[in-house]
């Protein structure tokens, strides 16, 4: 699979998993500078900014998953 397509799929998978936990990261996307670069590594994923409520929800979801 093309690294760019793989990165796009990863972003969509992450978005879906976050939404399943009631979390939306509005700025979640592929990092454009690394997407356009010619590095051998796949592009980075930019998680973006979020407000404190979203950060708390993300923290709670991660803590819950870690306890499993």
C-alpha atoms as a PDB file:
ATOM      1  CA  UNK A   1       0.000   0.000   0.000  1.00  0.00           C
ATOM      2  CA  UNK A   2       1.207   3.502  -0.807  1.00  0.00           C
ATOM      3  CA  UNK A   3       2.464   5.227   2.387  1.00  0.00           C
ATOM      4  CA  UNK A   4       0.230   8.208   1.655  1.00  0.00           C
ATOM      5  CA  UNK A   5      -2.873   6.028   1.339  1.00  0.00           C
ATOM      6  CA  UNK A   6      -1.842   4.131   4.456  1.00  0.00           C
ATOM      7  CA  UNK A   7      -1.522   7.414   6.360  1.00  0.00           C
ATOM      8  CA  UNK A   8      -4.939   8.582   5.131  1.00  0.00           C
ATOM      9  CA  UNK A   9      -6.433   5.270   6.261  1.00  0.00           C
ATOM     10  CA  UNK A  10      -4.749   5.641   9.648  1.00  0.00           C
ATOM     11  CA  UNK A  11      -6.239   9.118  10.089  1.00  0.00           C
ATOM     12  CA  UNK A  12      -9.709   7.793   9.267  1.00  0.00           C
ATOM     13  CA  UNK A  13      -9.280   4.816  11.622  1.00  0.00           C
ATOM     14  CA  UNK A  14      -8.173   7.146  14.420  1.00  0.00           C
ATOM     15  CA  UNK A  15     -11.055   9.543  13.727  1.00  0.00           C
ATOM     16  CA  UNK A  16     -13.524   6.632  13.876  1.00  0.00           C
ATOM     17  CA  UNK A  17     -12.036   5.275  17.116  1.00  0.00           C
ATOM     18  CA  UNK A  18     -12.136   8.708  18.719  1.00  0.00           C
ATOM     19  CA  UNK A  19     -15.731   9.252  17.610  1.00  0.00           C
ATOM     20  CA  UNK A  20     -16.673   5.886  19.144  1.00  0.00           C
ATOM     21  CA  UNK A  21     -15.526   7.399  22.434  1.00  0.00           C
ATOM     22  CA  UNK A  22     -17.387  10.676  21.873  1.00  0.00           C
ATOM     23  CA  UNK A  23     -14.203  12.572  20.991  1.00  0.00           C
ATOM     24  CA  UNK A  24     -13.664  14.841  17.994  1.00  0.00           C
ATOM     25  CA  UNK A  25     -10.304  16.366  17.127  1.00  0.00           C
ATOM     26  CA  UNK A  26     -11.280  18.991  14.530  1.00  0.00           C
ATOM     27  CA  UNK A  27      -7.703  19.464  13.325  1.00  0.00           C
ATOM     28  CA  UNK A  28      -6.916  15.746  12.904  1.00  0.00           C
ATOM     29  CA  UNK A  29      -5.284  15.357   9.500  1.00  0.00           C
ATOM     30  CA  UNK A  30      -2.211  14.290   7.606  1.00  0.00           C
ATOM     31  CA  UNK A  31       0.689  16.694   8.248  1.00  0.00           C
ATOM     32  CA  UNK A  32       1.005  18.449   4.888  1.00  0.00           C
ATOM     33  CA  UNK A  33       4.741  19.293   5.001  1.00  0.00           C
ATOM     34  CA  UNK A  34       5.658  15.640   5.605  1.00  0.00           C
ATOM     35  CA  UNK A  35       3.027  14.499   3.100  1.00  0.00           C
ATOM     36  CA  UNK A  36       4.631  16.607   0.392  1.00  0.00           C
ATOM     37  CA  UNK A  37       8.200  15.754   1.379  1.00  0.00           C
ATOM     38  CA  UNK A  38      10.294  13.052  -0.216  1.00  0.00           C
ATOM     39  CA  UNK A  39      11.367  11.376   3.029  1.00  0.00           C
ATOM     40  CA  UNK A  40      11.467   7.581   3.022  1.00  0.00           C
ATOM     41  CA  UNK A  41       9.210   7.496   6.103  1.00  0.00           C
ATOM     42  CA  UNK A  42       5.430   7.793   5.770  1.00  0.00           C
ATOM     43  CA  UNK A  43       3.877  11.213   6.423  1.00  0.00           C
ATOM     44  CA  UNK A  44       3.157  12.270   9.994  1.00  0.00           C
ATOM     45  CA  UNK A  45      -0.336  12.589  11.409  1.00  0.00           C
ATOM     46  CA  UNK A  46      -1.209  15.951  12.949  1.00  0.00           C
ATOM     47  CA  UNK A  47      -3.505  15.550  15.929  1.00  0.00           C
ATOM     48  CA  UNK A  48      -4.072  19.283  16.046  1.00  0.00           C
ATOM     49  CA  UNK A  49      -5.429  21.466  18.780  1.00  0.00           C
ATOM     50  CA  UNK A  50      -8.327  20.765  21.087  1.00  0.00           C
ATOM     51  CA  UNK A  51     -10.059  22.443  23.986  1.00  0.00           C
ATOM     52  CA  UNK A  52      -9.682  21.352  27.620  1.00  0.00           C
ATOM     53  CA  UNK A  53     -12.923  19.355  27.591  1.00  0.00           C
ATOM     54  CA  UNK A  54     -11.752  17.321  24.606  1.00  0.00           C
ATOM     55  CA  UNK A  55      -8.350  16.774  26.214  1.00  0.00           C
ATOM     56  CA  UNK A  56     -10.066  15.496  29.381  1.00  0.00           C
ATOM     57  CA  UNK A  57     -12.277  13.153  27.346  1.00  0.00           C
ATOM     58  CA  UNK A  58      -9.237  11.830  25.480  1.00  0.00           C
ATOM     59  CA  UNK A  59      -7.363  11.328  28.760  1.00  0.00           C
ATOM     60  CA  UNK A  60     -10.312   9.445  30.259  1.00  0.00           C
ATOM     61  CA  UNK A  61     -10.631   7.195  27.189  1.00  0.00           C
ATOM     62  CA  UNK A  62      -6.910   6.395  27.233  1.00  0.00           C
ATOM     63  CA  UNK A  63      -6.947   5.662  30.962  1.00  0.00           C
ATOM     64  CA  UNK A  64      -9.983   3.409  30.542  1.00  0.00           C
ATOM     65  CA  UNK A  65      -8.279   1.521  27.687  1.00  0.00           C
ATOM     66  CA  UNK A  66      -5.083   1.140  29.743  1.00  0.00           C
ATOM     67  CA  UNK A  67      -7.038  -0.512  32.568  1.00  0.00           C
ATOM     68  CA  UNK A  68      -8.316  -3.302  30.327  1.00  0.00           C
END
